[in-house]
């Protein structure tokens, strides 16, 4: 047995329509894909930083990878020593380590639809496609009155998740939360305040979910819902051990990965026996770059009969 080797690719993906969140407008994202080999066994992983999350950048990841000079043992040692500051790279190596299980994953999970604006027409379209939970991106100018209008004609079995991406000030957040707690069809409002904002202590945890403020199990303590993006979440074995001890809701969500990261993230979510509806309605939003392989829809499924080696070669 040897220490193994690795190589990596850096790819850029450009959105067909820019994505606007509380952190601003995103036109494209970089992703770093890793392929490891240990005694003939191949693994794949993806590091997928996302704006607004306090992770390492793709430039920093690439520097660590270049420094390891293709030695997996050296890379693993570097990540282990600096894991708190390299959660994306740690996640990618976790994917590589579990790839035998990941590539054979063909399970299915209920998926929430994603709306980038509060639109009656778009909401109706998602419902017609079969989505029964829909996530709506909010911004500083959003009002709960406009969401109320959406709910007036919404089907009784529709559930909403609202995501502010830290766009609100404290008073605005309090107003939103007061309204959300009166709405049975709204599951929660996600990240109403910026990460690190001390105002969370005064908001309470009922129907308030953390996303950017949580990141990994080593982050802030929170007994309310948390949103986990597997490709940002650090060591997955640690994450799964932490999940066994947690009783509060956990929602798994995409950060616009390629097919490699999506397959791995769906596998990780499926390891949670209490997994809820996941947030992976991210397909079809990039220019036709050939880096998606899964099918879009209200059920997120693992891939069958895919040559990951061929996909890697195409992206190379």
Protein backbone atom coordinates (compact mmCIF):
# COMPACT_ATOMS: atom_id res chain seq x y z
CA UNK A 1 0.00 0.00 0.00
CA UNK A 2 1.26 3.49 -0.84
CA UNK A 3 0.32 7.00 0.19
CA UNK A 4 -1.48 7.64 -3.07
CA UNK A 5 -1.42 10.40 -5.62
CA UNK A 6 -3.80 13.02 -6.95
CA UNK A 7 -4.38 15.44 -9.75
CA UNK A 8 -6.84 18.31 -10.08
CA UNK A 9 -8.72 20.52 -12.50
CA UNK A 10 -9.95 24.07 -12.15
CA UNK A 11 -13.09 24.84 -14.13
CA UNK A 12 -15.21 27.93 -14.52
CA UNK A 13 -18.97 27.80 -14.93
CA UNK A 14 -20.96 30.75 -16.23
CA UNK A 15 -24.62 31.20 -15.33
CA UNK A 16 -27.15 31.57 -18.12
CA UNK A 17 -28.78 34.27 -16.02
CA UNK A 18 -26.83 35.86 -13.14
CA UNK A 19 -27.88 34.73 -9.65
CA UNK A 20 -28.63 37.54 -7.21
CA UNK A 21 -28.54 36.89 -3.47
CA UNK A 22 -28.11 39.01 -0.37
CA UNK A 23 -24.37 38.97 -1.10
CA UNK A 24 -24.73 40.46 -4.58
CA UNK A 25 -24.90 39.18 -8.14
CA UNK A 26 -22.93 36.11 -9.24
CA UNK A 27 -22.23 35.67 -12.95
CA UNK A 28 -19.83 32.72 -12.78
CA UNK A 29 -18.17 30.38 -10.30
CA UNK A 30 -14.90 28.46 -10.22
CA UNK A 31 -14.76 24.84 -9.04
CA UNK A 32 -11.77 22.64 -8.29
CA UNK A 33 -12.15 18.93 -9.04
CA UNK A 34 -9.82 16.36 -7.51
CA UNK A 35 -9.05 12.81 -8.59
CA UNK A 36 -7.16 10.57 -6.17
CA UNK A 37 -5.59 7.17 -6.70
CA UNK A 38 -4.56 4.77 -3.92
CA UNK A 39 -3.43 1.26 -4.91
CA UNK A 40 -5.43 1.47 -8.11
CA UNK A 41 -8.61 2.74 -6.45
CA UNK A 42 -9.86 6.01 -7.94
CA UNK A 43 -11.80 8.69 -6.08
CA UNK A 44 -13.33 12.00 -7.14
CA UNK A 45 -14.21 15.12 -5.17
CA UNK A 46 -15.15 18.73 -5.70
CA UNK A 47 -14.27 21.91 -3.85
CA UNK A 48 -17.02 24.45 -4.51
CA UNK A 49 -16.64 27.74 -2.60
CA UNK A 50 -19.70 29.98 -2.76
CA UNK A 51 -19.86 33.78 -2.25
CA UNK A 52 -20.76 34.82 1.28
CA UNK A 53 -19.42 31.69 2.98
CA UNK A 54 -16.26 32.07 5.05
CA UNK A 55 -14.30 29.27 3.41
CA UNK A 56 -11.07 29.20 1.53
CA UNK A 57 -11.04 30.48 -2.05
CA UNK A 58 -10.25 28.52 -5.20
CA UNK A 59 -6.92 30.37 -5.41
CA UNK A 60 -6.02 29.20 -1.90
CA UNK A 61 -7.12 25.65 -2.67
CA UNK A 62 -5.04 25.57 -5.84
CA UNK A 63 -2.00 26.80 -3.91
CA UNK A 64 -2.34 23.99 -1.34
CA UNK A 65 -2.77 21.42 -4.12
CA UNK A 66 0.26 22.65 -6.03
CA UNK A 67 2.35 22.61 -2.86
CA UNK A 68 1.55 18.91 -2.30
CA UNK A 69 3.02 18.09 -5.75
CA UNK A 70 0.64 15.25 -6.46
CA UNK A 71 1.30 13.39 -3.18
CA UNK A 72 -2.00 12.45 -1.54
CA UNK A 73 -0.35 11.73 1.80
CA UNK A 74 1.24 15.20 1.82
CA UNK A 75 -2.06 16.80 0.82
CA UNK A 76 -4.01 14.91 3.49
CA UNK A 77 -1.48 15.95 6.13
CA UNK A 78 -1.75 19.61 5.09
CA UNK A 79 -5.54 19.54 5.19
CA UNK A 80 -5.59 17.74 8.54
CA UNK A 81 -3.29 20.36 10.03
CA UNK A 82 -5.38 23.24 8.65
CA UNK A 83 -8.84 21.72 8.48
CA UNK A 84 -10.63 24.63 10.10
CA UNK A 85 -9.45 26.94 7.32
CA UNK A 86 -9.86 24.45 4.45
CA UNK A 87 -13.43 23.11 4.76
CA UNK A 88 -14.04 22.90 0.99
CA UNK A 89 -10.84 20.97 0.36
CA UNK A 90 -11.55 18.71 3.33
CA UNK A 91 -15.01 17.99 1.89
CA UNK A 92 -13.53 17.15 -1.49
CA UNK A 93 -11.09 14.66 0.05
CA UNK A 94 -13.95 13.09 2.03
CA UNK A 95 -15.76 12.55 -1.25
CA UNK A 96 -12.67 10.91 -2.74
CA UNK A 97 -12.37 8.59 0.27
CA UNK A 98 -16.01 7.47 0.00
CA UNK A 99 -16.16 7.32 -3.78
CA UNK A 100 -16.79 3.57 -4.03
CA UNK A 101 -20.09 4.14 -2.22
CA UNK A 102 -20.82 7.46 -3.89
CA UNK A 103 -20.50 6.29 -7.49
CA UNK A 104 -22.92 3.42 -6.87
CA UNK A 105 -25.51 5.66 -5.20
CA UNK A 106 -28.80 5.51 -7.11
CA UNK A 107 -31.16 6.62 -4.35
CA UNK A 108 -33.71 9.42 -4.61
CA UNK A 109 -34.58 12.34 -2.35
CA UNK A 110 -37.44 14.83 -2.42
CA UNK A 111 -36.12 18.14 -3.74
CA UNK A 112 -37.28 21.72 -3.15
CA UNK A 113 -37.68 24.05 -6.10
CA UNK A 114 -35.63 27.24 -6.23
CA UNK A 115 -37.04 30.65 -7.17
CA UNK A 116 -34.64 33.55 -7.53
CA UNK A 117 -37.55 36.02 -7.31
CA UNK A 118 -40.99 36.06 -5.71
CA UNK A 119 -43.16 35.42 -8.75
CA UNK A 120 -46.69 33.98 -8.84
CA UNK A 121 -46.07 32.57 -12.32
CA UNK A 122 -42.78 30.92 -11.36
CA UNK A 123 -44.29 29.49 -8.18
CA UNK A 124 -47.17 28.00 -10.17
CA UNK A 125 -44.73 26.55 -12.69
CA UNK A 126 -42.70 24.84 -9.97
CA UNK A 127 -45.83 23.39 -8.43
CA UNK A 128 -46.97 22.11 -11.83
CA UNK A 129 -43.59 20.41 -12.24
CA UNK A 130 -44.24 18.48 -9.03
CA UNK A 131 -42.36 20.52 -6.43
CA UNK A 132 -44.19 20.69 -3.11
CA UNK A 133 -41.53 22.70 -1.28
CA UNK A 134 -40.15 25.87 -2.85
CA UNK A 135 -37.29 28.07 -1.70
CA UNK A 136 -37.46 31.78 -2.53
CA UNK A 137 -34.42 34.04 -2.52
CA UNK A 138 -35.00 37.34 -0.71
CA UNK A 139 -33.04 40.60 -0.80
CA UNK A 140 -32.87 43.78 1.23
CA UNK A 141 -35.84 45.25 -0.64
CA UNK A 142 -38.07 42.18 -0.18
CA UNK A 143 -41.19 42.48 1.96
CA UNK A 144 -43.23 39.83 3.67
CA UNK A 145 -46.32 41.46 2.19
CA UNK A 146 -45.31 40.28 -1.30
CA UNK A 147 -44.81 36.74 0.01
CA UNK A 148 -48.25 36.97 1.58
CA UNK A 149 -49.66 37.69 -1.87
CA UNK A 150 -47.96 34.54 -3.19
CA UNK A 151 -49.54 32.49 -0.44
CA UNK A 152 -53.05 33.80 -1.10
CA UNK A 153 -53.53 31.63 -4.17
CA UNK A 154 -51.04 28.91 -3.31
CA UNK A 155 -52.12 25.25 -2.99
CA UNK A 156 -52.67 24.08 0.59
CA UNK A 157 -49.90 21.46 0.36
CA UNK A 158 -47.22 23.90 -0.78
CA UNK A 159 -44.41 24.70 1.68
CA UNK A 160 -42.07 27.68 1.42
CA UNK A 161 -38.51 28.23 2.56
CA UNK A 162 -37.26 31.81 2.52
CA UNK A 163 -33.58 32.68 2.16
CA UNK A 164 -32.29 36.16 2.92
CA UNK A 165 -28.55 35.35 2.65
CA UNK A 166 -27.84 37.84 5.45
CA UNK A 167 -29.47 40.77 3.62
CA UNK A 168 -31.55 42.14 6.52
CA UNK A 169 -30.84 44.52 9.35
CA UNK A 170 -31.97 43.58 12.85
CA UNK A 171 -35.33 45.39 12.84
CA UNK A 172 -36.20 44.12 9.38
CA UNK A 173 -35.27 40.58 10.44
CA UNK A 174 -37.49 40.82 13.53
CA UNK A 175 -40.42 41.94 11.40
CA UNK A 176 -39.93 39.03 9.00
CA UNK A 177 -39.60 36.47 11.77
CA UNK A 178 -42.73 37.71 13.52
CA UNK A 179 -44.61 37.20 10.26
CA UNK A 180 -43.01 33.82 9.46
CA UNK A 181 -44.00 32.40 12.84
CA UNK A 182 -47.63 33.07 11.99
CA UNK A 183 -47.43 31.20 8.67
CA UNK A 184 -47.89 27.40 8.92
CA UNK A 185 -46.88 26.99 5.27
CA UNK A 186 -43.49 28.69 5.76
CA UNK A 187 -40.93 26.24 7.16
CA UNK A 188 -38.31 28.82 8.08
CA UNK A 189 -36.45 31.95 7.06
CA UNK A 190 -32.82 31.20 6.33
CA UNK A 191 -29.93 33.45 7.38
CA UNK A 192 -31.86 36.70 7.96
CA UNK A 193 -28.77 38.45 9.38
CA UNK A 194 -25.17 38.41 8.22
CA UNK A 195 -22.85 35.73 9.55
CA UNK A 196 -21.41 36.72 12.92
CA UNK A 197 -24.16 39.25 13.62
CA UNK A 198 -24.75 39.30 17.39
CA UNK A 199 -28.42 40.05 16.80
CA UNK A 200 -29.16 36.34 16.38
CA UNK A 201 -29.15 36.03 20.15
CA UNK A 202 -32.30 38.17 20.27
CA UNK A 203 -34.16 36.49 17.38
CA UNK A 204 -34.78 33.09 18.89
CA UNK A 205 -34.45 29.81 17.01
CA UNK A 206 -38.08 29.06 16.09
CA UNK A 207 -38.35 29.04 12.29
CA UNK A 208 -34.92 30.67 11.94
CA UNK A 209 -32.36 28.59 10.03
CA UNK A 210 -28.63 29.18 9.83
CA UNK A 211 -26.69 28.71 6.60
CA UNK A 212 -23.66 30.99 6.20
CA UNK A 213 -23.40 31.24 10.00
CA UNK A 214 -23.15 27.47 10.45
CA UNK A 215 -20.89 25.99 7.74
CA UNK A 216 -19.42 23.03 9.69
CA UNK A 217 -20.24 21.24 12.97
CA UNK A 218 -17.33 23.11 14.54
CA UNK A 219 -19.22 26.36 13.97
CA UNK A 220 -21.70 28.23 16.12
CA UNK A 221 -24.04 26.27 18.40
CA UNK A 222 -27.66 26.53 17.26
CA UNK A 223 -30.65 24.45 18.33
CA UNK A 224 -32.83 25.66 15.46
CA UNK A 225 -32.68 24.41 11.85
CA UNK A 226 -29.36 24.46 10.03
CA UNK A 227 -28.60 24.24 6.31
CA UNK A 228 -25.60 22.15 5.31
CA UNK A 229 -23.86 22.45 1.97
CA UNK A 230 -21.89 19.20 1.78
CA UNK A 231 -19.19 20.63 -0.49
CA UNK A 232 -18.42 23.31 2.13
CA UNK A 233 -18.93 21.27 5.29
CA UNK A 234 -15.46 19.96 6.12
CA UNK A 235 -14.71 16.35 7.03
CA UNK A 236 -17.75 14.20 6.26
CA UNK A 237 -17.00 11.50 8.80
CA UNK A 238 -16.99 14.15 11.52
CA UNK A 239 -20.21 15.58 10.09
CA UNK A 240 -21.97 12.21 10.17
CA UNK A 241 -20.87 11.59 13.77
CA UNK A 242 -22.17 15.02 14.76
CA UNK A 243 -25.47 14.35 12.99
CA UNK A 244 -26.03 11.23 15.08
CA UNK A 245 -26.07 13.41 18.20
CA UNK A 246 -28.29 16.19 16.83
CA UNK A 247 -32.09 16.13 17.07
CA UNK A 248 -32.90 19.53 15.53
CA UNK A 249 -33.70 19.81 11.79
CA UNK A 250 -30.95 19.64 9.18
CA UNK A 251 -31.46 20.56 5.52
CA UNK A 252 -28.92 19.58 2.84
CA UNK A 253 -28.38 22.05 0.04
CA UNK A 254 -26.43 22.50 -3.18
CA UNK A 255 -23.82 25.15 -3.91
CA UNK A 256 -24.06 24.74 -7.70
CA UNK A 257 -21.65 21.84 -8.05
CA UNK A 258 -20.76 19.88 -11.17
CA UNK A 259 -22.06 16.31 -11.52
CA UNK A 260 -19.17 15.05 -9.38
CA UNK A 261 -20.01 17.24 -6.39
CA UNK A 262 -23.74 16.71 -6.81
CA UNK A 263 -23.45 12.91 -6.82
CA UNK A 264 -21.32 13.06 -3.68
CA UNK A 265 -23.55 15.58 -1.88
CA UNK A 266 -26.70 13.57 -2.57
CA UNK A 267 -25.01 10.43 -1.26
CA UNK A 268 -24.04 12.25 1.94
CA UNK A 269 -27.57 13.59 2.45
CA UNK A 270 -28.95 10.08 2.00
CA UNK A 271 -26.78 8.81 4.88
CA UNK A 272 -28.93 10.90 7.24
CA UNK A 273 -31.86 8.73 8.41
CA UNK A 274 -33.85 11.89 9.16
CA UNK A 275 -33.10 13.61 5.85
CA UNK A 276 -35.76 16.14 4.85
CA UNK A 277 -36.48 17.67 1.45
CA UNK A 278 -33.12 18.69 0.00
CA UNK A 279 -32.28 21.91 -1.82
CA UNK A 280 -30.75 20.79 -5.13
CA UNK A 281 -32.80 22.57 -7.80
CA UNK A 282 -29.65 23.99 -9.38
CA UNK A 283 -29.54 22.17 -12.73
CA UNK A 284 -30.05 23.96 -16.04
CA UNK A 285 -28.80 27.27 -14.69
CA UNK A 286 -25.37 27.27 -16.37
CA UNK A 287 -24.38 27.69 -19.97
CA UNK A 288 -24.21 24.34 -21.76
CA UNK A 289 -20.79 23.29 -20.49
CA UNK A 290 -21.38 19.53 -20.21
CA UNK A 291 -20.62 19.45 -16.49
CA UNK A 292 -24.11 18.46 -15.36
CA UNK A 293 -25.31 14.88 -15.78
CA UNK A 294 -28.21 14.42 -13.35
CA UNK A 295 -31.85 14.99 -14.26
CA UNK A 296 -33.64 18.05 -12.91
CA UNK A 297 -36.97 17.72 -11.12
CA UNK A 298 -38.74 17.38 -7.78
CA UNK A 299 -36.90 14.11 -7.08
CA UNK A 300 -33.11 14.34 -6.91
CA UNK A 301 -31.61 11.01 -7.94
CA UNK A 302 -28.15 9.51 -8.00
CA UNK A 303 -26.69 8.68 -11.41
CA UNK A 304 -26.78 5.31 -13.13
CA UNK A 305 -24.15 3.98 -15.53
CA UNK A 306 -21.95 7.08 -15.73
CA UNK A 307 -18.29 6.93 -16.70
CA UNK A 308 -16.72 9.35 -14.25
CA UNK A 309 -13.39 8.81 -15.96
CA UNK A 310 -14.92 9.97 -19.26
CA UNK A 311 -16.47 13.02 -17.57
CA UNK A 312 -13.10 13.90 -16.05
CA UNK A 313 -11.44 13.55 -19.45
CA UNK A 314 -14.06 15.79 -21.07
CA UNK A 315 -13.56 18.48 -18.44
CA UNK A 316 -9.80 18.23 -18.85
